[in-house]
C-alpha atoms as a PDB file:
ATOM      1  CA  MET A   1      19.856  39.633 -19.995  1.00  0.00           C
ATOM      2  CA  ARG A   2      23.147  39.121 -18.519  1.00  0.00           C
ATOM      3  CA  LEU A   3      23.451  37.409 -15.087  1.00  0.00           C
ATOM      4  CA  THR A   4      25.392  39.132 -12.280  1.00  0.00           C
ATOM      5  CA  ARG A   5      28.228  37.160 -10.734  1.00  0.00           C
ATOM      6  CA  ALA A   6      26.063  35.950  -7.762  1.00  0.00           C
ATOM      7  CA  GLU A   7      23.249  34.874 -10.114  1.00  0.00           C
ATOM      8  CA  SER A   8      25.564  32.934 -12.291  1.00  0.00           C
ATOM      9  CA  LYS A   9      26.945  31.082  -9.200  1.00  0.00           C
ATOM     10  CA  ALA A  10      23.688  30.342  -7.953  1.00  0.00           C
ATOM     11  CA  ALA A  11      22.545  29.080 -11.153  1.00  0.00           C
ATOM     12  CA  ASN A  12      25.670  26.871 -11.629  1.00  0.00           C
ATOM     13  CA  LYS A  13      25.222  25.341  -8.076  1.00  0.00           C
ATOM     14  CA  ARG A  14      21.615  24.587  -9.011  1.00  0.00           C
ATOM     15  CA  ALA A  15      22.660  23.035 -12.197  1.00  0.00           C
ATOM     16  CA  LEU A  16      25.319  21.007 -10.445  1.00  0.00           C
ATOM     17  CA  ILE A  17      22.681  19.659  -7.678  1.00  0.00           C
ATOM     18  CA  GLU A  18      20.207  18.711 -10.258  1.00  0.00           C
ATOM     19  CA  ALA A  19      22.998  16.990 -12.185  1.00  0.00           C
ATOM     20  CA  ALA A  20      24.074  15.221  -9.266  1.00  0.00           C
ATOM     21  CA  ARG A  21      20.546  14.106  -8.613  1.00  0.00           C
ATOM     22  CA  GLU A  22      20.339  12.537 -12.068  1.00  0.00           C
ATOM     23  CA  VAL A  23      23.760  10.690 -12.051  1.00  0.00           C
ATOM     24  CA  VAL A  24      23.195   9.487  -8.471  1.00  0.00           C
ATOM     25  CA  GLY A  25      19.726   8.328  -9.341  1.00  0.00           C
ATOM     26  CA  ARG A  26      21.619   6.227 -12.144  1.00  0.00           C
ATOM     27  CA  ASP A  27      24.737   5.146 -10.748  1.00  0.00           C
ATOM     28  CA  GLY A  28      24.341   5.341  -6.957  1.00  0.00           C
ATOM     29  CA  SER A  29      27.557   5.414  -4.997  1.00  0.00           C
ATOM     30  CA  LYS A  30      29.473   4.908  -8.289  1.00  0.00           C
ATOM     31  CA  ALA A  31      28.534   8.497  -9.463  1.00  0.00           C
ATOM     32  CA  LYS A  32      31.396  10.299 -10.989  1.00  0.00           C
ATOM     33  CA  LEU A  33      32.472  13.933 -10.840  1.00  0.00           C
ATOM     34  CA  GLU A  34      33.092  13.947 -14.609  1.00  0.00           C
ATOM     35  CA  ASP A  35      29.623  12.549 -15.537  1.00  0.00           C
ATOM     36  CA  ILE A  36      28.024  15.293 -13.152  1.00  0.00           C
ATOM     37  CA  ALA A  37      30.006  18.211 -14.673  1.00  0.00           C
ATOM     38  CA  ASP A  38      29.107  16.997 -18.070  1.00  0.00           C
ATOM     39  CA  LEU A  39      25.581  16.992 -17.469  1.00  0.00           C
ATOM     40  CA  ALA A  40      25.531  20.487 -15.986  1.00  0.00           C
ATOM     41  CA  GLY A  41      27.514  21.765 -18.828  1.00  0.00           C
ATOM     42  CA  LEU A  42      30.368  22.653 -16.595  1.00  0.00           C
ATOM     43  CA  THR A  43      33.923  21.454 -15.477  1.00  0.00           C
ATOM     44  CA  THR A  44      35.092  19.319 -12.512  1.00  0.00           C
ATOM     45  CA  GLY A  45      36.988  22.454 -11.427  1.00  0.00           C
ATOM     46  CA  ALA A  46      33.315  24.282 -11.117  1.00  0.00           C
ATOM     47  CA  ILE A  47      32.297  21.665  -8.665  1.00  0.00           C
ATOM     48  CA  TYR A  48      35.569  22.169  -6.662  1.00  0.00           C
ATOM     49  CA  SER A  49      35.241  25.959  -6.813  1.00  0.00           C
ATOM     50  CA  LEU A  50      31.597  25.890  -5.747  1.00  0.00           C
ATOM     51  CA  PHE A  51      31.363  22.967  -3.328  1.00  0.00           C
ATOM     52  CA  GLY A  52      34.971  22.212  -2.443  1.00  0.00           C
ATOM     53  CA  GLY A  53      34.590  18.669  -3.871  1.00  0.00           C
ATOM     54  CA  LYS A  54      32.580  15.613  -4.528  1.00  0.00           C
ATOM     55  CA  ASN A  55      31.465  15.069  -0.930  1.00  0.00           C
ATOM     56  CA  ASP A  56      30.279  18.550  -0.444  1.00  0.00           C
ATOM     57  CA  LEU A  57      28.142  18.513  -3.453  1.00  0.00           C
ATOM     58  CA  MET A  58      26.606  15.152  -2.366  1.00  0.00           C
ATOM     59  CA  VAL A  59      26.019  16.754   0.895  1.00  0.00           C
ATOM     60  CA  ALA A  60      24.272  19.687  -0.791  1.00  0.00           C
ATOM     61  CA  MET A  61      22.153  17.293  -2.920  1.00  0.00           C
ATOM     62  CA  VAL A  62      21.037  15.316   0.092  1.00  0.00           C
ATOM     63  CA  ASP A  63      20.303  18.467   1.875  1.00  0.00           C
ATOM     64  CA  ASP A  64      18.288  19.579  -0.958  1.00  0.00           C
ATOM     65  CA  TYR A  65      16.218  16.469  -1.226  1.00  0.00           C
ATOM     66  CA  VAL A  66      12.820  16.575   0.584  1.00  0.00           C
ATOM     67  CA  GLY A  67      11.607  13.030  -0.134  1.00  0.00           C
ATOM     68  CA  PRO A  68       8.411  11.705  -1.177  1.00  0.00           C
ATOM     69  CA  LEU A  69       6.063  13.498   1.071  1.00  0.00           C
ATOM     70  CA  ASP A  70       6.742  17.054   0.033  1.00  0.00           C
ATOM     71  CA  LEU A  71       3.951  19.130   1.649  1.00  0.00           C
ATOM     72  CA  ARG A  72       6.017  22.531   2.127  1.00  0.00           C
ATOM     73  CA  SER A  73       3.684  24.454   0.024  1.00  0.00           C
ATOM     74  CA  ALA A  74       0.500  23.225   1.952  1.00  0.00           C
ATOM     75  CA  GLU A  75      -1.092  25.733   4.074  1.00  0.00           C
ATOM     76  CA  ALA A  76      -2.544  24.547   7.399  1.00  0.00           C
ATOM     77  CA  ALA A  77      -5.896  26.011   6.662  1.00  0.00           C
ATOM     78  CA  GLU A  78      -6.276  23.799   3.652  1.00  0.00           C
ATOM     79  CA  PHE A  79      -6.717  20.695   5.801  1.00  0.00           C
ATOM     80  CA  GLY A  80      -9.870  21.468   7.925  1.00  0.00           C
ATOM     81  CA  PRO A  81     -10.006  21.973  11.649  1.00  0.00           C
ATOM     82  CA  ARG A  82     -10.237  18.341  12.772  1.00  0.00           C
ATOM     83  CA  LEU A  83      -7.412  15.985  12.956  1.00  0.00           C
ATOM     84  CA  GLU A  84      -9.191  13.361  10.995  1.00  0.00           C
ATOM     85  CA  GLU A  85      -9.721  15.832   8.068  1.00  0.00           C
ATOM     86  CA  ALA A  86      -6.030  16.773   7.923  1.00  0.00           C
ATOM     87  CA  VAL A  87      -4.987  13.106   7.984  1.00  0.00           C
ATOM     88  CA  ALA A  88      -7.454  12.317   5.117  1.00  0.00           C
ATOM     89  CA  GLU A  89      -6.152  15.168   2.987  1.00  0.00           C
ATOM     90  CA  VAL A  90      -2.444  14.051   3.451  1.00  0.00           C
ATOM     91  CA  ALA A  91      -3.441  10.522   2.510  1.00  0.00           C
ATOM     92  CA  ARG A  92      -5.153  11.882  -0.567  1.00  0.00           C
ATOM     93  CA  ARG A  93      -2.154  14.102  -1.810  1.00  0.00           C
ATOM     94  CA  PHE A  94       0.361  11.188  -1.237  1.00  0.00           C
ATOM     95  CA  LEU A  95      -1.884   8.904  -3.349  1.00  0.00           C
ATOM     96  CA  ARG A  96      -1.745  11.378  -6.033  1.00  0.00           C
ATOM     97  CA  ILE A  97       1.896  11.673  -5.560  1.00  0.00           C
ATOM     98  CA  SER A  98       2.427   7.845  -5.757  1.00  0.00           C
ATOM     99  CA  ALA A  99       0.057   7.595  -9.049  1.00  0.00           C
ATOM    100  CA  ASP A 100       2.270  10.168 -10.717  1.00  0.00           C
ATOM    101  CA  PRO A 101       4.003   8.874 -13.835  1.00  0.00           C
ATOM    102  CA  GLU A 102       7.315  10.190 -12.361  1.00  0.00           C
ATOM    103  CA  ALA A 103       6.910   8.587  -9.032  1.00  0.00           C
ATOM    104  CA  ALA A 104       9.019   5.382 -10.450  1.00  0.00           C
ATOM    105  CA  GLY A 105      12.019   7.616 -10.994  1.00  0.00           C
ATOM    106  CA  LYS A 106      11.630   9.290  -7.643  1.00  0.00           C
ATOM    107  CA  LEU A 107      11.515   5.877  -5.914  1.00  0.00           C
ATOM    108  CA  LEU A 108      14.672   4.660  -7.956  1.00  0.00           C
ATOM    109  CA  PHE A 109      16.402   7.846  -6.998  1.00  0.00           C
ATOM    110  CA  GLU A 110      15.496   7.195  -3.244  1.00  0.00           C
ATOM    111  CA  ALA A 111      17.182   3.822  -3.519  1.00  0.00           C
ATOM    112  CA  ARG A 112      20.281   5.271  -5.084  1.00  0.00           C
ATOM    113  CA  VAL A 113      20.581   7.849  -2.428  1.00  0.00           C
ATOM    114  CA  LEU A 114      20.462   5.055   0.253  1.00  0.00           C
ATOM    115  CA  ASP A 115      23.191   3.327  -1.522  1.00  0.00           C
ATOM    116  CA  LEU A 116      25.158   6.659  -1.436  1.00  0.00           C
ATOM    117  CA  VAL A 117      24.555   7.601   2.163  1.00  0.00           C
ATOM    118  CA  LEU A 118      25.138   4.091   3.677  1.00  0.00           C
ATOM    119  CA  HIS A 119      28.801   4.384   2.496  1.00  0.00           C
ATOM    120  CA  ASP A 120      29.164   7.799   4.092  1.00  0.00           C
ATOM    121  CA  PRO A 121      28.266   8.849   7.633  1.00  0.00           C
ATOM    122  CA  GLU A 122      28.279  12.507   6.861  1.00  0.00           C
ATOM    123  CA  LEU A 123      25.782  12.074   4.186  1.00  0.00           C
ATOM    124  CA  LEU A 124      23.688   9.600   6.280  1.00  0.00           C
ATOM    125  CA  GLY A 125      23.460  12.403   9.000  1.00  0.00           C
ATOM    126  CA  LYS A 126      22.301  14.882   6.484  1.00  0.00           C
ATOM    127  CA  LEU A 127      19.570  12.464   5.075  1.00  0.00           C
ATOM    128  CA  ASN A 128      18.431  11.786   8.646  1.00  0.00           C
ATOM    129  CA  ALA A 129      18.156  15.497   9.287  1.00  0.00           C
ATOM    130  CA  SER A 130      16.119  15.931   6.045  1.00  0.00           C
ATOM    131  CA  ILE A 131      13.818  13.050   7.142  1.00  0.00           C
ATOM    132  CA  ARG A 132      13.339  14.708  10.617  1.00  0.00           C
ATOM    133  CA  SER A 133      12.655  18.048   9.258  1.00  0.00           C
ATOM    134  CA  THR A 134       9.969  16.601   6.756  1.00  0.00           C
ATOM    135  CA  GLU A 135       8.309  14.954   9.856  1.00  0.00           C
ATOM    136  CA  VAL A 136       8.371  18.184  11.918  1.00  0.00           C
ATOM    137  CA  GLU A 137       6.743  20.021   8.908  1.00  0.00           C
ATOM    138  CA  LEU A 138       4.075  17.337   8.619  1.00  0.00           C
ATOM    139  CA  ALA A 139       3.492  17.399  12.368  1.00  0.00           C
ATOM    140  CA  ALA A 140       2.852  21.243  12.076  1.00  0.00           C
ATOM    141  CA  LEU A 141      -0.305  20.340   9.866  1.00  0.00           C
ATOM    142  CA  PHE A 142      -1.757  18.273  12.823  1.00  0.00           C
ATOM    143  CA  SER A 143      -0.679  20.128  16.068  1.00  0.00           C
ATOM    144  CA  GLY A 144      -3.476  22.103  17.555  1.00  0.00           C
ATOM    145  CA  ARG A 145      -6.337  20.387  15.700  1.00  0.00           C
ATOM    146  CA  GLU A 146      -9.357  18.962  17.494  1.00  0.00           C
ATOM    147  CA  HIS A 147      -9.581  15.211  18.310  1.00  0.00           C
ATOM    148  CA  GLU A 148     -12.117  14.011  20.762  1.00  0.00           C
ATOM    149  CA  GLY A 149     -12.639  17.234  22.262  1.00  0.00           C
ATOM    150  CA  ALA A 150      -8.967  18.195  22.880  1.00  0.00           C
ATOM    151  CA  ALA A 151      -6.216  19.839  20.910  1.00  0.00           C
ATOM    152  CA  VAL A 152      -3.664  17.710  19.620  1.00  0.00           C
ATOM    153  CA  THR A 153      -0.215  18.546  21.292  1.00  0.00           C
ATOM    154  CA  ASP A 154       3.052  19.120  19.371  1.00  0.00           C
ATOM    155  CA  ARG A 155       4.186  15.777  20.823  1.00  0.00           C
ATOM    156  CA  GLN A 156       1.261  13.823  19.775  1.00  0.00           C
ATOM    157  CA  ALA A 157       1.412  15.508  16.253  1.00  0.00           C
ATOM    158  CA  LEU A 158       5.051  14.363  15.851  1.00  0.00           C
ATOM    159  CA  ARG A 159       4.301  10.783  16.925  1.00  0.00           C
ATOM    160  CA  LEU A 160       1.451  10.688  14.324  1.00  0.00           C
ATOM    161  CA  ALA A 161       3.628  12.306  11.587  1.00  0.00           C
ATOM    162  CA  ARG A 162       6.307   9.715  11.918  1.00  0.00           C
ATOM    163  CA  ALA A 163       3.803   6.757  11.982  1.00  0.00           C
ATOM    164  CA  LEU A 164       1.837   8.349   8.894  1.00  0.00           C
ATOM    165  CA  LYS A 165       4.873   8.839   6.880  1.00  0.00           C
ATOM    166  CA  ALA A 166       6.060   5.232   7.161  1.00  0.00           C
ATOM    167  CA  LEU A 167       2.674   3.938   6.460  1.00  0.00           C
ATOM    168  CA  LEU A 168       2.025   6.236   3.321  1.00  0.00           C
ATOM    169  CA  SER A 169       5.612   5.384   1.984  1.00  0.00           C
ATOM    170  CA  GLY A 170       4.876   1.728   2.178  1.00  0.00           C
ATOM    171  CA  LEU A 171       1.490   2.075   0.585  1.00  0.00           C
ATOM    172  CA  GLY A 172       3.075   4.378  -2.111  1.00  0.00           C
ATOM    173  CA  GLN A 173       5.540   1.972  -3.004  1.00  0.00           C
ATOM    174  CA  GLY A 174       3.002  -0.669  -3.648  1.00  0.00           C
ATOM    175  CA  VAL A 175       1.143   1.903  -6.068  1.00  0.00           C
ATOM    176  CA  VAL A 176       4.333   2.678  -7.873  1.00  0.00           C
ATOM    177  CA  LEU A 177       5.235  -0.862  -8.353  1.00  0.00           C
ATOM    178  CA  GLY A 178       1.859  -2.061  -9.537  1.00  0.00           C
ATOM    179  CA  ALA A 179       1.569  -4.396  -6.452  1.00  0.00           C
ATOM    180  CA  HIS A 180      -1.891  -3.100  -5.767  1.00  0.00           C
ATOM    181  CA  ASP A 181      -4.187  -0.296  -7.159  1.00  0.00           C
ATOM    182  CA  ALA A 182      -5.187   1.221  -3.914  1.00  0.00           C
ATOM    183  CA  SER A 183      -8.264   3.384  -3.947  1.00  0.00           C
ATOM    184  CA  GLU A 184      -8.532   6.960  -2.246  1.00  0.00           C
ATOM    185  CA  GLU A 185     -10.893   5.504   0.044  1.00  0.00           C
ATOM    186  CA  PHE A 186      -8.427   2.759   1.215  1.00  0.00           C
ATOM    187  CA  PHE A 187      -5.528   5.311   1.593  1.00  0.00           C
ATOM    188  CA  VAL A 188      -7.808   7.513   3.745  1.00  0.00           C
ATOM    189  CA  GLU A 189      -9.183   4.970   5.917  1.00  0.00           C
ATOM    190  CA  THR A 190      -5.874   3.241   6.527  1.00  0.00           C
ATOM    191  CA  ALA A 191      -4.284   6.501   7.224  1.00  0.00           C
ATOM    192  CA  GLN A 192      -7.020   7.575   9.725  1.00  0.00           C
ATOM    193  CA  ALA A 193      -6.880   4.179  11.640  1.00  0.00           C
ATOM    194  CA  LEU A 194      -3.525   5.562  12.913  1.00  0.00           C
ATOM    195  CA  ILE A 195      -5.300   8.197  14.971  1.00  0.00           C
ATOM    196  CA  ARG A 196      -5.665   6.047  18.188  1.00  0.00           C
ATOM    197  CA  PRO A 197      -4.125   6.296  21.724  1.00  0.00           C
ATOM    198  CA  ALA A 198      -1.411   3.752  20.937  1.00  0.00           C
ATOM    199  CA  VAL A 199      -0.119   6.034  18.346  1.00  0.00           C
ATOM    200  CA  LEU A 200      -0.669   9.485  19.638  1.00  0.00           C
ATOM    201  CA  GLY A 201       0.570   8.677  23.061  1.00  0.00           C
ATOM    202  CA  PRO A 202      -0.155  10.938  26.034  1.00  0.00           C
ATOM    203  CA  ALA A 203      -0.666  14.571  25.631  1.00  0.00           C
END
C-alpha cells in the first residue's frame, strides 16, 4: 500500500527521531547528522527539509523522550483508591522497568542526553519541560486519593511525585548497574515511606 505524502513525511520524521536517539545514545554531543541520516535510510537534506537542521531534530528527539517513569498508559483506576496503594503500584512498575534487560541501554541513553543538553540551553529547557510533564502525569495518579481520612490535593500530589520520581530513579539505577538486587517489598516500603507530612506539605 502506497503512503500518502503526509504519511511518508510522518514516517520519515519518526525514523529520524529514532535514529537520532540511537546515535545520540552512542555518541552524545558528538552525534553527527550524517550518521543519523544514514541510520534512518535518508539524506542529510531530509533532516533540513523536515526539521530545519540538527538542533531542531535534537529538540524533537528530546521532546519525544519521556524518561524512565513512563506511566502514560496507566489508568488512574488501576491503582486503588488509597494513596498507599497507588504509590505501591508505581514502585512495582518501576522495579519491573529497572529489571528489564533493555534498562541498561536506556540508562546509557539518558547519560548521553545529559551530555548533549548541557551544551545547549534550548535542549536543556526542552528536557526540563519533559521532566515536569512526567511529574504532572505521575501526580495525577495520586491527586484525590484518600490518605488519613482526607483527599490528597494537587499540590501534595505533585510534591510526592517529584520525591518519588527521584527516589525510584536512584533505586532503579542500582538495579540496572547490579549494585543491589532490590526486592519488590523493599521498593514498595521505601516508596511508601515518602508518604509523610514533611514530603506532602500542607494541603
